[in-house]
């Protein structure tokens, strides 16, 4: 089994096609988890941070799928709501009202 490959922040950002500041933000706001997605290279807080690209890509793919499914579900709900608001009239009822 291959051991995970850990890369420095600048390389990780380049491989993920994002800015260095974005990967730092993802780490700070909890989207990336310590030990799985990143580690301190020296083992101490404040040391250089290295990232595991394969784990980050897997998590981003899972979150993308969940986000798209959620968006599709919201779209479906909105379409159903709009369809319920559409009023339909039979031709007979409409003609009767015009004659009156």
N, C-alpha and C. Protein backbone atom coordinates (compact mmCIF):
# COMPACT_ATOMS: atom_id res chain seq x y z
N UNK A 1 0.85 -1.18 0.00
CA UNK A 1 0.00 0.00 0.00
C UNK A 1 0.89 1.24 0.00
N UNK A 2 0.54 2.21 -0.86
CA UNK A 2 1.31 3.44 -0.95
C UNK A 2 1.04 4.32 0.26
N UNK A 3 2.10 4.95 0.76
CA UNK A 3 1.89 5.89 1.86
C UNK A 3 1.39 7.21 1.27
N UNK A 4 0.60 7.95 2.04
CA UNK A 4 0.05 9.20 1.52
C UNK A 4 1.15 10.21 1.19
N UNK A 5 0.88 11.01 0.18
CA UNK A 5 1.83 12.04 -0.23
C UNK A 5 1.36 13.37 0.36
N UNK A 6 2.26 14.01 1.09
CA UNK A 6 1.96 15.30 1.71
C UNK A 6 2.77 16.36 0.98
N UNK A 7 2.11 17.46 0.60
CA UNK A 7 2.78 18.51 -0.16
C UNK A 7 2.63 19.85 0.56
N UNK A 8 3.59 20.75 0.36
CA UNK A 8 3.50 22.07 0.99
C UNK A 8 2.32 22.88 0.45
N UNK A 9 1.96 23.90 1.20
CA UNK A 9 0.79 24.71 0.88
C UNK A 9 0.78 25.25 -0.54
N UNK A 10 1.88 25.81 -0.99
CA UNK A 10 1.90 26.41 -2.33
C UNK A 10 1.66 25.37 -3.41
N UNK A 11 2.23 24.19 -3.25
CA UNK A 11 2.02 23.12 -4.23
C UNK A 11 0.59 22.59 -4.15
N UNK A 12 0.07 22.47 -2.93
CA UNK A 12 -1.31 22.00 -2.75
C UNK A 12 -2.29 22.96 -3.43
N UNK A 13 -2.08 24.24 -3.21
CA UNK A 13 -2.96 25.23 -3.83
C UNK A 13 -2.90 25.13 -5.35
N UNK A 14 -1.71 24.99 -5.88
CA UNK A 14 -1.55 24.88 -7.33
C UNK A 14 -2.24 23.62 -7.86
N UNK A 15 -2.06 22.48 -7.19
CA UNK A 15 -2.67 21.22 -7.62
C UNK A 15 -4.19 21.26 -7.55
N UNK A 16 -4.72 22.02 -6.60
CA UNK A 16 -6.18 22.14 -6.44
C UNK A 16 -6.76 23.30 -7.24
N UNK A 17 -5.90 24.06 -7.89
CA UNK A 17 -6.30 25.22 -8.70
C UNK A 17 -7.03 26.27 -7.86
N UNK A 18 -6.49 26.53 -6.66
CA UNK A 18 -7.04 27.56 -5.78
C UNK A 18 -5.88 28.42 -5.26
N UNK A 19 -6.22 29.51 -4.62
CA UNK A 19 -5.20 30.38 -4.04
C UNK A 19 -4.70 29.82 -2.71
N UNK A 20 -3.49 30.20 -2.33
CA UNK A 20 -2.96 29.81 -1.02
C UNK A 20 -3.88 30.25 0.10
N UNK A 21 -4.42 31.45 -0.03
CA UNK A 21 -5.30 31.96 1.03
C UNK A 21 -6.57 31.13 1.14
N UNK A 22 -7.04 30.57 0.03
CA UNK A 22 -8.25 29.74 0.06
C UNK A 22 -8.00 28.45 0.81
N UNK A 23 -6.87 27.82 0.58
CA UNK A 23 -6.60 26.56 1.29
C UNK A 23 -6.40 26.82 2.78
N UNK A 24 -5.81 27.97 3.12
CA UNK A 24 -5.67 28.32 4.54
C UNK A 24 -7.04 28.54 5.16
N UNK A 25 -7.92 29.23 4.44
CA UNK A 25 -9.28 29.47 4.94
C UNK A 25 -10.01 28.15 5.13
N UNK A 26 -9.88 27.24 4.19
CA UNK A 26 -10.52 25.93 4.30
C UNK A 26 -10.03 25.19 5.55
N UNK A 27 -8.75 25.32 5.85
CA UNK A 27 -8.19 24.68 7.04
C UNK A 27 -8.73 25.33 8.31
N UNK A 28 -8.75 26.66 8.33
CA UNK A 28 -9.17 27.38 9.53
C UNK A 28 -10.66 27.24 9.83
N UNK A 29 -11.49 27.17 8.78
CA UNK A 29 -12.93 27.08 9.04
C UNK A 29 -13.44 25.65 9.20
N UNK A 30 -12.53 24.69 9.17
CA UNK A 30 -12.92 23.32 9.47
C UNK A 30 -13.30 22.46 8.28
N UNK A 31 -13.23 23.00 7.08
CA UNK A 31 -13.54 22.17 5.91
C UNK A 31 -12.47 21.11 5.70
N UNK A 32 -11.26 21.39 6.16
CA UNK A 32 -10.18 20.40 6.12
C UNK A 32 -9.89 19.98 7.56
N UNK A 33 -9.73 18.68 7.75
CA UNK A 33 -9.53 18.18 9.11
C UNK A 33 -8.07 17.78 9.33
N UNK A 34 -7.56 18.08 10.53
CA UNK A 34 -6.18 17.72 10.84
C UNK A 34 -6.00 16.21 10.85
N UNK A 35 -4.86 15.77 10.35
CA UNK A 35 -4.57 14.35 10.31
C UNK A 35 -5.05 13.69 9.03
N UNK A 36 -6.21 14.11 8.54
CA UNK A 36 -6.74 13.56 7.29
C UNK A 36 -6.30 14.40 6.10
N UNK A 37 -6.52 15.70 6.20
CA UNK A 37 -6.24 16.59 5.08
C UNK A 37 -4.93 17.36 5.23
N UNK A 38 -4.53 17.61 6.44
CA UNK A 38 -3.28 18.36 6.65
C UNK A 38 -2.64 17.97 7.97
N UNK A 39 -1.35 18.23 8.04
CA UNK A 39 -0.60 18.03 9.29
C UNK A 39 0.43 19.15 9.40
N UNK A 40 0.88 19.38 10.62
CA UNK A 40 2.02 20.27 10.82
C UNK A 40 3.26 19.43 10.55
N UNK A 41 4.08 19.85 9.61
CA UNK A 41 5.23 19.06 9.18
C UNK A 41 6.20 18.77 10.33
N UNK A 42 6.28 19.68 11.29
CA UNK A 42 7.18 19.48 12.43
C UNK A 42 6.47 18.87 13.63
N UNK A 43 5.15 18.71 13.50
CA UNK A 43 4.37 18.17 14.61
C UNK A 43 3.99 19.20 15.65
N UNK A 44 4.33 20.45 15.42
CA UNK A 44 3.98 21.50 16.38
C UNK A 44 3.18 22.59 15.69
N UNK A 45 2.19 23.12 16.43
CA UNK A 45 1.37 24.20 15.89
C UNK A 45 2.27 25.38 15.55
N UNK A 46 1.99 26.01 14.46
CA UNK A 46 2.81 27.13 14.03
C UNK A 46 3.91 26.72 13.08
N UNK A 47 4.13 25.41 12.96
CA UNK A 47 5.12 24.92 12.01
C UNK A 47 4.54 24.90 10.61
N UNK A 48 5.36 24.55 9.64
CA UNK A 48 4.85 24.49 8.27
C UNK A 48 3.76 23.43 8.13
N UNK A 49 2.78 23.73 7.30
CA UNK A 49 1.65 22.83 7.10
C UNK A 49 1.82 22.13 5.76
N UNK A 50 1.57 20.82 5.75
CA UNK A 50 1.57 20.06 4.50
C UNK A 50 0.20 19.41 4.32
N UNK A 51 -0.17 19.21 3.07
CA UNK A 51 -1.53 18.77 2.74
C UNK A 51 -1.51 17.46 1.96
N UNK A 52 -2.57 16.69 2.15
CA UNK A 52 -2.75 15.43 1.43
C UNK A 52 -3.80 15.66 0.34
N UNK A 53 -3.34 15.81 -0.88
CA UNK A 53 -4.20 16.20 -2.00
C UNK A 53 -5.28 15.17 -2.29
N UNK A 54 -4.95 13.88 -2.28
CA UNK A 54 -5.96 12.87 -2.61
C UNK A 54 -7.13 12.91 -1.63
N UNK A 55 -6.86 13.10 -0.36
CA UNK A 55 -7.92 13.17 0.65
C UNK A 55 -8.76 14.44 0.48
N UNK A 56 -8.11 15.54 0.15
CA UNK A 56 -8.84 16.80 -0.05
C UNK A 56 -9.74 16.68 -1.28
N UNK A 57 -9.22 16.13 -2.37
CA UNK A 57 -10.03 15.97 -3.58
C UNK A 57 -11.24 15.07 -3.33
N UNK A 58 -11.04 14.01 -2.57
CA UNK A 58 -12.14 13.09 -2.26
C UNK A 58 -13.24 13.83 -1.49
N UNK A 59 -12.84 14.59 -0.48
CA UNK A 59 -13.80 15.35 0.32
C UNK A 59 -14.51 16.41 -0.52
N UNK A 60 -13.77 17.11 -1.36
CA UNK A 60 -14.38 18.13 -2.21
C UNK A 60 -15.37 17.51 -3.19
N UNK A 61 -15.04 16.34 -3.73
CA UNK A 61 -15.96 15.65 -4.64
C UNK A 61 -17.25 15.26 -3.91
N UNK A 62 -17.11 14.73 -2.69
CA UNK A 62 -18.29 14.35 -1.90
C UNK A 62 -19.16 15.56 -1.60
N UNK A 63 -18.54 16.67 -1.23
CA UNK A 63 -19.29 17.89 -0.92
C UNK A 63 -19.95 18.46 -2.17
N UNK A 64 -19.28 18.35 -3.30
CA UNK A 64 -19.86 18.83 -4.56
C UNK A 64 -21.11 18.04 -4.90
N UNK A 65 -21.03 16.73 -4.78
CA UNK A 65 -22.18 15.87 -5.07
C UNK A 65 -23.34 16.22 -4.14
N UNK A 66 -23.05 16.38 -2.86
CA UNK A 66 -24.11 16.73 -1.90
C UNK A 66 -24.72 18.09 -2.22
N UNK A 67 -23.89 19.04 -2.60
CA UNK A 67 -24.40 20.38 -2.92
C UNK A 67 -25.29 20.35 -4.15
N UNK A 68 -24.89 19.59 -5.16
CA UNK A 68 -25.69 19.50 -6.39
C UNK A 68 -27.01 18.80 -6.11
N UNK A 69 -26.97 17.73 -5.32
CA UNK A 69 -28.21 17.03 -4.98
C UNK A 69 -29.15 17.95 -4.20
N UNK A 70 -28.60 18.72 -3.29
CA UNK A 70 -29.41 19.66 -2.52
C UNK A 70 -30.02 20.72 -3.41
N UNK A 71 -29.25 21.21 -4.36
CA UNK A 71 -29.74 22.23 -5.28
C UNK A 71 -30.83 21.64 -6.17
N UNK A 72 -30.61 20.41 -6.67
CA UNK A 72 -31.63 19.75 -7.49
C UNK A 72 -32.92 19.55 -6.71
N UNK A 73 -32.79 19.18 -5.45
CA UNK A 73 -33.96 18.97 -4.60
C UNK A 73 -34.73 20.28 -4.40
N UNK A 74 -33.99 21.36 -4.16
CA UNK A 74 -34.63 22.67 -3.99
C UNK A 74 -35.31 23.12 -5.28
N UNK A 75 -34.67 22.85 -6.41
CA UNK A 75 -35.29 23.21 -7.70
C UNK A 75 -36.58 22.43 -7.91
N UNK A 76 -36.55 21.15 -7.59
CA UNK A 76 -37.74 20.31 -7.75
C UNK A 76 -38.87 20.83 -6.86
N UNK A 77 -38.54 21.14 -5.61
CA UNK A 77 -39.54 21.67 -4.68
C UNK A 77 -40.13 22.98 -5.20
N UNK A 78 -39.29 23.85 -5.73
CA UNK A 78 -39.75 25.14 -6.26
C UNK A 78 -40.65 24.92 -7.47
N UNK A 79 -40.28 24.00 -8.34
CA UNK A 79 -41.12 23.71 -9.51
C UNK A 79 -42.48 23.19 -9.08
N UNK A 80 -42.50 22.28 -8.11
CA UNK A 80 -43.77 21.75 -7.62
C UNK A 80 -44.63 22.86 -7.00
N UNK A 81 -44.00 23.76 -6.26
CA UNK A 81 -44.72 24.87 -5.65
C UNK A 81 -45.33 25.76 -6.74
N UNK A 82 -44.56 26.04 -7.77
CA UNK A 82 -45.05 26.90 -8.85
C UNK A 82 -46.18 26.22 -9.62
N UNK A 83 -46.06 24.92 -9.84
CA UNK A 83 -47.11 24.20 -10.55
C UNK A 83 -48.42 24.21 -9.76
N UNK A 84 -48.32 24.15 -8.45
CA UNK A 84 -49.52 24.19 -7.61
C UNK A 84 -50.22 25.55 -7.69
N UNK A 85 -49.47 26.59 -8.00
CA UNK A 85 -50.04 27.94 -8.08
C UNK A 85 -50.74 28.21 -9.41
N UNK A 86 -50.49 27.37 -10.39
CA UNK A 86 -51.11 27.58 -11.70
C UNK A 86 -52.59 27.23 -11.62
N UNK A 87 -53.41 28.17 -12.05
CA UNK A 87 -54.86 27.93 -12.08
C UNK A 87 -55.24 27.48 -13.48
N UNK A 88 -56.09 26.48 -13.53
CA UNK A 88 -56.58 26.02 -14.82
C UNK A 88 -58.09 26.18 -14.87
N UNK A 89 -58.59 26.43 -16.03
CA UNK A 89 -60.03 26.62 -16.22
C UNK A 89 -60.49 25.69 -17.34
N UNK A 90 -61.64 25.11 -17.13
CA UNK A 90 -62.21 24.34 -18.23
C UNK A 90 -62.84 25.33 -19.19
N UNK A 91 -62.92 24.97 -20.44
CA UNK A 91 -63.47 25.89 -21.43
C UNK A 91 -64.94 26.18 -21.15
N UNK A 92 -65.67 25.19 -20.71
CA UNK A 92 -67.10 25.38 -20.41
C UNK A 92 -67.30 26.42 -19.31
N UNK A 93 -66.55 26.29 -18.23
CA UNK A 93 -66.69 27.25 -17.12
C UNK A 93 -66.33 28.65 -17.58
N UNK A 94 -65.34 28.77 -18.38
CA UNK A 94 -64.90 30.07 -18.86
C UNK A 94 -65.97 30.71 -19.75
N UNK A 95 -66.57 29.92 -20.63
CA UNK A 95 -67.61 30.45 -21.53
C UNK A 95 -68.85 30.86 -20.76
N UNK A 96 -69.20 30.10 -19.73
CA UNK A 96 -70.38 30.43 -18.93
C UNK A 96 -70.20 31.78 -18.25
N UNK A 97 -69.03 32.05 -17.75
CA UNK A 97 -68.78 33.32 -17.06
C UNK A 97 -68.85 34.49 -18.03
N UNK A 98 -68.40 34.29 -19.27
CA UNK A 98 -68.46 35.37 -20.26
C UNK A 98 -69.89 35.69 -20.66
N UNK A 99 -70.76 34.67 -20.70
CA UNK A 99 -72.15 34.87 -21.11
C UNK A 99 -72.95 35.63 -20.06
N UNK A 100 -72.58 35.52 -18.84
CA UNK A 100 -73.35 36.15 -17.75
C UNK A 100 -73.23 37.63 -17.73
